[in-house]
Amino acid sequence: MFEKIKNELVNFGLKFMSIDEKIVRIFLETSPSNVNNIVILPAVKMIMKYFLSHLQYKKVNGRVYNGTLNGIKVSIIRSLVGAPNTAIAVECLKRCKTSIILRVDFCGGISTQNREILIGDLLIPNISYCGDGTSPQYLLKHSNKLERLKSITNPHHQSLDLSMGPKKIFISEPDEDLRQVLINEATSRGLKQVKTADFWTTDALFCETDEFITNLKSINVQGIDMENSTLFLLSKLYGIKSASILAVSDLPSHPKYDLFNSNILHPDMKKGMKSMIDLLINALPKISSRFSQN
């Protein structure tokens, strides 16, 4: 009887909400009005906790942590790992007043003949190849709006049987002006470990074979993650500015520092994470003054 009454009260309350507000409340457990213009979107708990340790005037609204970093009002929301979770987060944020999304997290690094990538390096994506399964669903739904998107032939067709896989891989891009602010901040601070890189976004943690990595090297990919492509694609679709900066935590296919084939964590991993977060916090006033309307 109590459950029936509770459900009736919930349904009664929902009648007075818009569809957009219901979506935000379901996934972020708060009102759209409780989400700030600038949103920081980490995926893993370690980075979320480090950001929260710096957050001043903290106020928690459901899954949204509001406060200030370096004097700038922000919301920090943990997206959780993967493109589907990122899509849910962006779907919510497009229904709020958010106009800037800054993704800060870990990634895998790939060294090529032209440049070495080390654990602790900070990578700012130039582009991300949509090797995930979420982005194609949005490409199908919004093909008329995303028809100008660049694409390449799937590099894995060179050596793998992909009869069930896509023959074409689309490319998503961060907001160039926002990305440039992060690059300029790194340059002004003399952070030599900050590098720009092309990324490949994937859904699978355990499928980065040597052959897979070789194919990515053929198109000069030096970063692997699980969120960038969907974040950039949906941000473009919904008119939100987004960019990422990621700390290299492991080197896929490396005999010693492949995260899933070794018990060894590189000592520079945590150092890179702290440098990345400090860089973003220092860049926030410039981002706010250039793009935000607080």
C-alpha atoms as a PDB file:
ATOM      1  CA  MET A   1       0.000   0.000   0.000  1.00  0.00           C
ATOM      2  CA  PHE A   2       2.821   2.392   0.927  1.00  0.00           C
ATOM      3  CA  GLU A   3       4.639   1.689  -2.378  1.00  0.00           C
ATOM      4  CA  LYS A   4       1.463   2.352  -4.333  1.00  0.00           C
ATOM      5  CA  ILE A   5       0.954   5.715  -2.620  1.00  0.00           C
ATOM      6  CA  LYS A   6       4.627   6.630  -3.175  1.00  0.00           C
ATOM      7  CA  ASN A   7       4.423   5.775  -6.874  1.00  0.00           C
ATOM      8  CA  GLU A   8       1.257   7.822  -7.272  1.00  0.00           C
ATOM      9  CA  LEU A   9       2.954  10.805  -5.631  1.00  0.00           C
ATOM     10  CA  VAL A  10       5.975  10.445  -7.922  1.00  0.00           C
ATOM     11  CA  ASN A  11       3.774  10.249 -11.012  1.00  0.00           C
ATOM     12  CA  PHE A  12       1.801  13.269  -9.824  1.00  0.00           C
ATOM     13  CA  GLY A  13       5.018  15.249  -9.460  1.00  0.00           C
ATOM     14  CA  LEU A  14       6.264  14.174 -12.891  1.00  0.00           C
ATOM     15  CA  LYS A  15       3.185  15.684 -14.523  1.00  0.00           C
ATOM     16  CA  PHE A  16       4.539  19.125 -13.716  1.00  0.00           C
ATOM     17  CA  MET A  17       7.996  18.491 -15.235  1.00  0.00           C
ATOM     18  CA  SER A  18       9.126  18.834 -18.806  1.00  0.00           C
ATOM     19  CA  ILE A  19      10.602  15.799 -20.554  1.00  0.00           C
ATOM     20  CA  ASP A  20      14.022  17.479 -20.447  1.00  0.00           C
ATOM     21  CA  GLU A  21      13.856  17.985 -16.684  1.00  0.00           C
ATOM     22  CA  LYS A  22      12.775  14.377 -16.144  1.00  0.00           C
ATOM     23  CA  ILE A  23      15.803  13.111 -18.092  1.00  0.00           C
ATOM     24  CA  VAL A  24      18.194  15.222 -16.017  1.00  0.00           C
ATOM     25  CA  ARG A  25      16.566  14.181 -12.754  1.00  0.00           C
ATOM     26  CA  ILE A  26      16.663  10.484 -13.682  1.00  0.00           C
ATOM     27  CA  PHE A  27      20.371  10.418 -14.530  1.00  0.00           C
ATOM     28  CA  LEU A  28      21.911  13.296 -12.561  1.00  0.00           C
ATOM     29  CA  GLU A  29      19.428  13.153  -9.674  1.00  0.00           C
ATOM     30  CA  THR A  30      18.982  16.910  -9.596  1.00  0.00           C
ATOM     31  CA  SER A  31      17.324  19.791 -11.393  1.00  0.00           C
ATOM     32  CA  PRO A  32      18.836  21.215 -14.610  1.00  0.00           C
ATOM     33  CA  SER A  33      19.141  24.557 -12.825  1.00  0.00           C
ATOM     34  CA  ASN A  34      21.695  23.003 -10.436  1.00  0.00           C
ATOM     35  CA  VAL A  35      24.256  22.407 -13.210  1.00  0.00           C
ATOM     36  CA  ASN A  36      26.735  25.193 -13.986  1.00  0.00           C
ATOM     37  CA  ASN A  37      27.880  26.595 -17.302  1.00  0.00           C
ATOM     38  CA  ILE A  38      31.309  24.914 -17.075  1.00  0.00           C
ATOM     39  CA  VAL A  39      31.271  21.170 -16.397  1.00  0.00           C
ATOM     40  CA  ILE A  40      34.320  19.044 -15.640  1.00  0.00           C
ATOM     41  CA  LEU A  41      33.682  15.455 -16.661  1.00  0.00           C
ATOM     42  CA  PRO A  42      36.088  12.833 -15.251  1.00  0.00           C
ATOM     43  CA  ALA A  43      35.291   9.143 -15.691  1.00  0.00           C
ATOM     44  CA  VAL A  44      37.294   7.422 -12.967  1.00  0.00           C
ATOM     45  CA  LYS A  45      36.992   7.773  -9.205  1.00  0.00           C
ATOM     46  CA  MET A  46      40.643   8.676  -8.558  1.00  0.00           C
ATOM     47  CA  ILE A  47      40.477  11.821 -10.678  1.00  0.00           C
ATOM     48  CA  MET A  48      37.030  12.754  -9.379  1.00  0.00           C
ATOM     49  CA  LYS A  49      38.312  12.594  -5.781  1.00  0.00           C
ATOM     50  CA  TYR A  50      41.368  14.715  -6.576  1.00  0.00           C
ATOM     51  CA  PHE A  51      39.214  17.420  -8.150  1.00  0.00           C
ATOM     52  CA  LEU A  52      36.830  17.394  -5.190  1.00  0.00           C
ATOM     53  CA  SER A  53      39.760  17.888  -2.811  1.00  0.00           C
ATOM     54  CA  HIS A  54      40.367  21.244  -4.554  1.00  0.00           C
ATOM     55  CA  LEU A  55      36.732  22.297  -4.831  1.00  0.00           C
ATOM     56  CA  GLN A  56      35.801  25.279  -2.659  1.00  0.00           C
ATOM     57  CA  TYR A  57      32.289  26.118  -1.401  1.00  0.00           C
ATOM     58  CA  LYS A  58      31.265  22.597  -2.310  1.00  0.00           C
ATOM     59  CA  LYS A  59      27.577  21.781  -2.588  1.00  0.00           C
ATOM     60  CA  VAL A  60      26.274  18.377  -3.637  1.00  0.00           C
ATOM     61  CA  ASN A  61      23.119  18.095  -5.742  1.00  0.00           C
ATOM     62  CA  GLY A  62      22.522  14.436  -6.563  1.00  0.00           C
ATOM     63  CA  ARG A  63      25.449  13.359  -8.751  1.00  0.00           C
ATOM     64  CA  VAL A  64      26.492  16.974  -9.365  1.00  0.00           C
ATOM     65  CA  TYR A  65      29.211  18.608  -7.238  1.00  0.00           C
ATOM     66  CA  ASN A  66      29.112  22.395  -7.455  1.00  0.00           C
ATOM     67  CA  GLY A  67      31.684  24.866  -6.205  1.00  0.00           C
ATOM     68  CA  THR A  68      34.591  26.970  -7.358  1.00  0.00           C
ATOM     69  CA  LEU A  69      38.038  26.112  -8.694  1.00  0.00           C
ATOM     70  CA  ASN A  70      40.508  28.979  -8.924  1.00  0.00           C
ATOM     71  CA  GLY A  71      37.600  31.361  -8.391  1.00  0.00           C
ATOM     72  CA  ILE A  72      35.501  29.940 -11.247  1.00  0.00           C
ATOM     73  CA  LYS A  73      32.121  28.310 -10.719  1.00  0.00           C
ATOM     74  CA  VAL A  74      32.069  24.749 -12.035  1.00  0.00           C
ATOM     75  CA  SER A  75      30.089  21.550 -11.794  1.00  0.00           C
ATOM     76  CA  ILE A  76      32.006  18.278 -11.496  1.00  0.00           C
ATOM     77  CA  ILE A  77      30.154  15.185 -12.673  1.00  0.00           C
ATOM     78  CA  ARG A  78      31.621  11.715 -12.923  1.00  0.00           C
ATOM     79  CA  SER A  79      30.499  10.268 -16.244  1.00  0.00           C
ATOM     80  CA  LEU A  80      31.747   6.737 -15.498  1.00  0.00           C
ATOM     81  CA  VAL A  81      33.751   4.838 -18.100  1.00  0.00           C
ATOM     82  CA  GLY A  82      32.758   4.345 -21.711  1.00  0.00           C
ATOM     83  CA  ALA A  83      31.034   6.024 -24.629  1.00  0.00           C
ATOM     84  CA  PRO A  84      27.467   5.045 -23.583  1.00  0.00           C
ATOM     85  CA  ASN A  85      27.915   6.680 -20.168  1.00  0.00           C
ATOM     86  CA  THR A  86      29.441   9.745 -21.813  1.00  0.00           C
ATOM     87  CA  ALA A  87      26.482   9.996 -24.178  1.00  0.00           C
ATOM     88  CA  ILE A  88      24.060   9.919 -21.242  1.00  0.00           C
ATOM     89  CA  ALA A  89      26.024  12.684 -19.509  1.00  0.00           C
ATOM     90  CA  VAL A  90      26.054  14.912 -22.599  1.00  0.00           C
ATOM     91  CA  GLU A  91      22.355  14.253 -23.232  1.00  0.00           C
ATOM     92  CA  CYS A  92      21.708  15.562 -19.724  1.00  0.00           C
ATOM     93  CA  LEU A  93      24.046  18.535 -20.049  1.00  0.00           C
ATOM     94  CA  LYS A  94      22.445  19.696 -23.283  1.00  0.00           C
ATOM     95  CA  ARG A  95      19.243  20.033 -21.242  1.00  0.00           C
ATOM     96  CA  CYS A  96      20.991  22.273 -18.709  1.00  0.00           C
ATOM     97  CA  LYS A  97      22.695  25.656 -19.091  1.00  0.00           C
ATOM     98  CA  THR A  98      26.042  23.981 -19.761  1.00  0.00           C
ATOM     99  CA  SER A  99      28.011  25.402 -22.684  1.00  0.00           C
ATOM    100  CA  ILE A 100      31.509  24.058 -21.892  1.00  0.00           C
ATOM    101  CA  ILE A 101      32.548  20.480 -21.095  1.00  0.00           C
ATOM    102  CA  LEU A 102      36.117  19.712 -20.058  1.00  0.00           C
ATOM    103  CA  ARG A 103      37.007  16.047 -19.988  1.00  0.00           C
ATOM    104  CA  VAL A 104      39.957  15.166 -17.752  1.00  0.00           C
ATOM    105  CA  ASP A 105      40.989  11.551 -17.303  1.00  0.00           C
ATOM    106  CA  PHE A 106      43.459   8.772 -18.076  1.00  0.00           C
ATOM    107  CA  CYS A 107      44.294   7.269 -21.464  1.00  0.00           C
ATOM    108  CA  GLY A 108      46.600   4.773 -23.111  1.00  0.00           C
ATOM    109  CA  GLY A 109      49.624   5.989 -25.050  1.00  0.00           C
ATOM    110  CA  ILE A 110      51.266   4.706 -28.232  1.00  0.00           C
ATOM    111  CA  SER A 111      54.792   5.574 -29.326  1.00  0.00           C
ATOM    112  CA  THR A 112      55.505   5.862 -33.056  1.00  0.00           C
ATOM    113  CA  GLN A 113      58.705   6.207 -35.055  1.00  0.00           C
ATOM    114  CA  ASN A 114      58.383   9.979 -35.010  1.00  0.00           C
ATOM    115  CA  ARG A 115      57.573  10.525 -31.332  1.00  0.00           C
ATOM    116  CA  GLU A 116      57.740   8.657 -28.054  1.00  0.00           C
ATOM    117  CA  ILE A 117      54.814   8.708 -25.636  1.00  0.00           C
ATOM    118  CA  LEU A 118      55.640   8.107 -21.975  1.00  0.00           C
ATOM    119  CA  ILE A 119      53.556   7.336 -18.915  1.00  0.00           C
ATOM    120  CA  GLY A 120      52.856  10.651 -17.196  1.00  0.00           C
ATOM    121  CA  ASP A 121      52.644  12.551 -20.489  1.00  0.00           C
ATOM    122  CA  LEU A 122      49.558  14.737 -20.920  1.00  0.00           C
ATOM    123  CA  LEU A 123      47.767  14.388 -24.250  1.00  0.00           C
ATOM    124  CA  ILE A 124      45.414  16.985 -25.719  1.00  0.00           C
ATOM    125  CA  PRO A 125      43.393  15.390 -28.552  1.00  0.00           C
ATOM    126  CA  ASN A 126      43.478  16.888 -32.039  1.00  0.00           C
ATOM    127  CA  ILE A 127      40.775  14.478 -33.209  1.00  0.00           C
ATOM    128  CA  SER A 128      39.272  11.176 -32.160  1.00  0.00           C
ATOM    129  CA  TYR A 129      38.423   8.305 -34.471  1.00  0.00           C
ATOM    130  CA  CYS A 130      34.990   6.853 -33.697  1.00  0.00           C
ATOM    131  CA  GLY A 131      36.034   3.261 -33.072  1.00  0.00           C
ATOM    132  CA  ASP A 132      33.302   2.903 -30.446  1.00  0.00           C
ATOM    133  CA  GLY A 133      29.779   1.556 -30.855  1.00  0.00           C
ATOM    134  CA  THR A 134      27.847   4.562 -29.523  1.00  0.00           C
ATOM    135  CA  SER A 135      28.891   7.252 -32.009  1.00  0.00           C
ATOM    136  CA  PRO A 136      27.556   5.327 -35.059  1.00  0.00           C
ATOM    137  CA  GLN A 137      24.075   5.298 -33.504  1.00  0.00           C
ATOM    138  CA  TYR A 138      24.079   9.094 -33.386  1.00  0.00           C
ATOM    139  CA  LEU A 139      25.511   9.249 -36.888  1.00  0.00           C
ATOM    140  CA  LEU A 140      22.545   7.188 -38.096  1.00  0.00           C
ATOM    141  CA  LYS A 141      20.004   9.305 -36.268  1.00  0.00           C
ATOM    142  CA  HIS A 142      21.490  12.677 -37.238  1.00  0.00           C
ATOM    143  CA  SER A 143      23.049  11.879 -40.601  1.00  0.00           C
ATOM    144  CA  ASN A 144      21.711  15.106 -42.153  1.00  0.00           C
ATOM    145  CA  LYS A 145      23.375  17.244 -39.449  1.00  0.00           C
ATOM    146  CA  LEU A 146      26.671  15.370 -39.431  1.00  0.00           C
ATOM    147  CA  GLU A 147      27.062  14.724 -43.153  1.00  0.00           C
ATOM    148  CA  ARG A 148      30.188  16.875 -43.395  1.00  0.00           C
ATOM    149  CA  LEU A 149      32.047  14.743 -40.880  1.00  0.00           C
ATOM    150  CA  LYS A 150      35.393  13.460 -42.158  1.00  0.00           C
ATOM    151  CA  SER A 151      36.036   9.717 -42.340  1.00  0.00           C
ATOM    152  CA  ILE A 152      38.709   7.187 -43.282  1.00  0.00           C
ATOM    153  CA  THR A 153      38.738   3.563 -44.339  1.00  0.00           C
ATOM    154  CA  ASN A 154      38.894   1.399 -41.220  1.00  0.00           C
ATOM    155  CA  PRO A 155      42.644   0.737 -40.751  1.00  0.00           C
ATOM    156  CA  HIS A 156      41.917  -2.672 -39.214  1.00  0.00           C
ATOM    157  CA  HIS A 157      40.631  -3.929 -42.570  1.00  0.00           C
ATOM    158  CA  GLN A 158      44.266  -4.096 -43.663  1.00  0.00           C
ATOM    159  CA  SER A 159      44.981  -7.143 -41.529  1.00  0.00           C
ATOM    160  CA  LEU A 160      41.824  -8.307 -39.744  1.00  0.00           C
ATOM    161  CA  ASP A 161      38.633  -9.992 -40.917  1.00  0.00           C
ATOM    162  CA  LEU A 162      36.026  -7.348 -40.160  1.00  0.00           C
ATOM    163  CA  SER A 163      33.047  -8.809 -42.003  1.00  0.00           C
ATOM    164  CA  MET A 164      30.844  -7.616 -39.131  1.00  0.00           C
ATOM    165  CA  GLY A 165      32.729  -4.389 -38.470  1.00  0.00           C
ATOM    166  CA  PRO A 166      32.460  -0.924 -40.036  1.00  0.00           C
ATOM    167  CA  LYS A 167      34.353  -0.281 -43.246  1.00  0.00           C
ATOM    168  CA  LYS A 168      34.397   3.453 -42.574  1.00  0.00           C
ATOM    169  CA  ILE A 169      35.495   5.216 -39.399  1.00  0.00           C
ATOM    170  CA  PHE A 170      34.262   8.747 -38.772  1.00  0.00           C
ATOM    171  CA  ILE A 171      36.320  11.459 -37.104  1.00  0.00           C
ATOM    172  CA  SER A 172      35.088  13.738 -34.324  1.00  0.00           C
ATOM    173  CA  GLU A 173      36.880  16.878 -33.187  1.00  0.00           C
ATOM    174  CA  PRO A 174      37.022  18.995 -30.029  1.00  0.00           C
ATOM    175  CA  ASP A 175      36.262  22.704 -30.086  1.00  0.00           C
ATOM    176  CA  GLU A 176      39.416  24.186 -31.566  1.00  0.00           C
ATOM    177  CA  ASP A 177      39.369  27.441 -29.581  1.00  0.00           C
ATOM    178  CA  LEU A 178      38.886  25.632 -26.270  1.00  0.00           C
ATOM    179  CA  ARG A 179      41.573  23.132 -27.166  1.00  0.00           C
ATOM    180  CA  GLN A 180      43.955  25.980 -27.980  1.00  0.00           C
ATOM    181  CA  VAL A 181      43.439  27.550 -24.550  1.00  0.00           C
ATOM    182  CA  LEU A 182      44.654  24.305 -22.956  1.00  0.00           C
ATOM    183  CA  ILE A 183      47.662  24.166 -25.282  1.00  0.00           C
ATOM    184  CA  ASN A 184      48.551  27.801 -24.592  1.00  0.00           C
ATOM    185  CA  GLU A 185      48.293  27.235 -20.848  1.00  0.00           C
ATOM    186  CA  ALA A 186      50.640  24.264 -21.060  1.00  0.00           C
ATOM    187  CA  THR A 187      53.099  26.286 -23.171  1.00  0.00           C
ATOM    188  CA  SER A 188      53.044  29.268 -20.820  1.00  0.00           C
ATOM    189  CA  ARG A 189      53.739  26.962 -17.868  1.00  0.00           C
ATOM    190  CA  GLY A 190      56.610  25.245 -19.700  1.00  0.00           C
ATOM    191  CA  LEU A 191      55.073  21.778 -19.403  1.00  0.00           C
ATOM    192  CA  LYS A 192      57.099  19.778 -21.897  1.00  0.00           C
ATOM    193  CA  GLN A 193      55.196  16.563 -21.152  1.00  0.00           C
ATOM    194  CA  VAL A 194      52.037  18.073 -22.695  1.00  0.00           C
ATOM    195  CA  LYS A 195      51.584  16.871 -26.274  1.00  0.00           C
ATOM    196  CA  THR A 196      48.834  17.026 -28.872  1.00  0.00           C
ATOM    197  CA  ALA A 197      47.798  13.692 -30.360  1.00  0.00           C
ATOM    198  CA  ASP A 198      45.260  11.924 -32.540  1.00  0.00           C
ATOM    199  CA  PHE A 199      43.069   9.510 -30.567  1.00  0.00           C
ATOM    200  CA  TRP A 200      41.178   6.288 -31.189  1.00  0.00           C
ATOM    201  CA  THR A 201      38.108   5.710 -29.010  1.00  0.00           C
ATOM    202  CA  THR A 202      37.211   2.089 -28.320  1.00  0.00           C
ATOM    203  CA  ASP A 203      34.670   0.174 -26.244  1.00  0.00           C
ATOM    204  CA  ALA A 204      36.820  -2.820 -25.373  1.00  0.00           C
ATOM    205  CA  LEU A 205      39.380  -2.865 -22.575  1.00  0.00           C
ATOM    206  CA  PHE A 206      40.994  -6.184 -23.446  1.00  0.00           C
ATOM    207  CA  CYS A 207      41.177  -6.136 -27.261  1.00  0.00           C
ATOM    208  CA  GLU A 208      44.306  -4.054 -27.846  1.00  0.00           C
ATOM    209  CA  THR A 209      46.426  -6.700 -29.548  1.00  0.00           C
ATOM    210  CA  ASP A 210      49.813  -5.999 -31.110  1.00  0.00           C
ATOM    211  CA  GLU A 211      48.121  -6.103 -34.517  1.00  0.00           C
ATOM    212  CA  PHE A 212      45.506  -3.608 -33.346  1.00  0.00           C
ATOM    213  CA  ILE A 213      48.209  -1.208 -32.137  1.00  0.00           C
ATOM    214  CA  THR A 214      50.193  -1.586 -35.379  1.00  0.00           C
ATOM    215  CA  ASN A 215      47.108  -0.611 -37.370  1.00  0.00           C
ATOM    216  CA  LEU A 216      46.594   2.485 -35.226  1.00  0.00           C
ATOM    217  CA  LYS A 217      50.227   3.481 -35.728  1.00  0.00           C
ATOM    218  CA  SER A 218      49.624   3.391 -39.489  1.00  0.00           C
ATOM    219  CA  ILE A 219      47.276   6.385 -39.117  1.00  0.00           C
ATOM    220  CA  ASN A 220      49.497   8.090 -36.504  1.00  0.00           C
ATOM    221  CA  VAL A 221      47.221   7.488 -33.521  1.00  0.00           C
ATOM    222  CA  GLN A 222      49.079   8.026 -30.240  1.00  0.00           C
ATOM    223  CA  GLY A 223      46.231   7.986 -27.724  1.00  0.00           C
ATOM    224  CA  ILE A 224      43.525   5.441 -26.875  1.00  0.00           C
ATOM    225  CA  ASP A 225      40.507   6.162 -24.719  1.00  0.00           C
ATOM    226  CA  MET A 226      36.864   5.178 -24.281  1.00  0.00           C
ATOM    227  CA  GLU A 227      35.006   8.516 -24.286  1.00  0.00           C
ATOM    228  CA  ASN A 228      36.464  11.231 -26.545  1.00  0.00           C
ATOM    229  CA  SER A 229      34.738  10.420 -29.825  1.00  0.00           C
ATOM    230  CA  THR A 230      31.230  10.466 -28.371  1.00  0.00           C
ATOM    231  CA  LEU A 231      31.909  13.579 -26.300  1.00  0.00           C
ATOM    232  CA  PHE A 232      33.190  15.530 -29.301  1.00  0.00           C
ATOM    233  CA  LEU A 233      30.483  14.238 -31.638  1.00  0.00           C
ATOM    234  CA  LEU A 234      27.554  15.025 -29.359  1.00  0.00           C
ATOM    235  CA  SER A 235      29.013  18.363 -28.315  1.00  0.00           C
ATOM    236  CA  LYS A 236      29.172  19.379 -31.969  1.00  0.00           C
ATOM    237  CA  LEU A 237      25.645  18.134 -32.505  1.00  0.00           C
ATOM    238  CA  TYR A 238      24.253  20.060 -29.530  1.00  0.00           C
ATOM    239  CA  GLY A 239      26.277  23.266 -29.798  1.00  0.00           C
ATOM    240  CA  ILE A 240      28.435  22.683 -26.705  1.00  0.00           C
ATOM    241  CA  LYS A 241      32.150  23.481 -26.624  1.00  0.00           C
ATOM    242  CA  SER A 242      34.208  20.512 -25.443  1.00  0.00           C
ATOM    243  CA  ALA A 243      37.860  19.541 -25.180  1.00  0.00           C
ATOM    244  CA  SER A 244      39.908  16.939 -23.339  1.00  0.00           C
ATOM    245  CA  ILE A 245      43.231  16.611 -21.613  1.00  0.00           C
ATOM    246  CA  LEU A 246      44.307  13.126 -20.565  1.00  0.00           C
ATOM    247  CA  ALA A 247      47.177  11.676 -18.577  1.00  0.00           C
ATOM    248  CA  VAL A 248      48.874   8.599 -20.008  1.00  0.00           C
ATOM    249  CA  SER A 249      48.427   5.777 -17.486  1.00  0.00           C
ATOM    250  CA  ASP A 250      49.611   2.796 -19.535  1.00  0.00           C
ATOM    251  CA  LEU A 251      51.202   1.760 -22.822  1.00  0.00           C
ATOM    252  CA  PRO A 252      49.084  -0.880 -24.601  1.00  0.00           C
ATOM    253  CA  SER A 253      51.141  -3.848 -25.863  1.00  0.00           C
ATOM    254  CA  HIS A 254      54.176  -2.655 -23.866  1.00  0.00           C
ATOM    255  CA  PRO A 255      55.828  -5.676 -22.166  1.00  0.00           C
ATOM    256  CA  LYS A 256      56.100  -3.901 -18.814  1.00  0.00           C
ATOM    257  CA  TYR A 257      53.490  -1.131 -18.700  1.00  0.00           C
ATOM    258  CA  ASP A 258      50.441  -2.574 -20.461  1.00  0.00           C
ATOM    259  CA  LEU A 259      47.814  -2.082 -17.735  1.00  0.00           C
ATOM    260  CA  PHE A 260      46.147  -5.426 -18.375  1.00  0.00           C
ATOM    261  CA  ASN A 261      49.233  -7.577 -18.730  1.00  0.00           C
ATOM    262  CA  SER A 262      51.294  -6.294 -15.828  1.00  0.00           C
ATOM    263  CA  ASN A 263      50.977  -5.648 -12.095  1.00  0.00           C
ATOM    264  CA  ILE A 264      53.425  -2.738 -12.266  1.00  0.00           C
ATOM    265  CA  LEU A 265      52.199   0.856 -12.090  1.00  0.00           C
ATOM    266  CA  HIS A 266      54.640   3.459 -13.344  1.00  0.00           C
ATOM    267  CA  PRO A 267      55.660   6.020 -10.689  1.00  0.00           C
ATOM    268  CA  ASP A 268      54.921   8.886 -13.116  1.00  0.00           C
ATOM    269  CA  MET A 269      51.257   7.906 -13.525  1.00  0.00           C
ATOM    270  CA  LYS A 270      50.039   9.778 -10.433  1.00  0.00           C
ATOM    271  CA  LYS A 271      52.432  12.639 -11.098  1.00  0.00           C
ATOM    272  CA  GLY A 272      50.917  13.062 -14.558  1.00  0.00           C
ATOM    273  CA  MET A 273      47.400  13.051 -13.113  1.00  0.00           C
ATOM    274  CA  LYS A 274      48.241  15.856 -10.664  1.00  0.00           C
ATOM    275  CA  SER A 275      49.955  17.935 -13.363  1.00  0.00           C
ATOM    276  CA  MET A 276      46.936  17.532 -15.621  1.00  0.00           C
ATOM    277  CA  ILE A 277      44.461  18.660 -12.977  1.00  0.00           C
ATOM    278  CA  ASP A 278      46.646  21.577 -11.917  1.00  0.00           C
ATOM    279  CA  LEU A 279      46.933  22.670 -15.562  1.00  0.00           C
ATOM    280  CA  LEU A 280      43.168  22.681 -16.012  1.00  0.00           C
ATOM    281  CA  ILE A 281      42.526  24.521 -12.742  1.00  0.00           C
ATOM    282  CA  ASN A 282      45.009  27.209 -13.769  1.00  0.00           C
ATOM    283  CA  ALA A 283      43.385  27.496 -17.210  1.00  0.00           C
ATOM    284  CA  LEU A 284      39.838  27.943 -15.868  1.00  0.00           C
ATOM    285  CA  PRO A 285      39.928  31.765 -15.503  1.00  0.00           C
ATOM    286  CA  LYS A 286      41.034  32.098 -19.137  1.00  0.00           C
ATOM    287  CA  ILE A 287      38.343  29.649 -20.273  1.00  0.00           C
ATOM    288  CA  SER A 288      35.694  31.467 -18.266  1.00  0.00           C
ATOM    289  CA  SER A 289      36.627  34.950 -19.481  1.00  0.00           C
ATOM    290  CA  ARG A 290      36.825  33.864 -23.106  1.00  0.00           C
ATOM    291  CA  PHE A 291      33.794  31.593 -23.418  1.00  0.00           C
ATOM    292  CA  SER A 292      31.511  31.791 -20.415  1.00  0.00           C
ATOM    293  CA  GLN A 293      28.750  34.116 -19.443  1.00  0.00           C
ATOM    294  CA  ASN A 294      28.596  33.706 -15.684  1.00  0.00           C
END
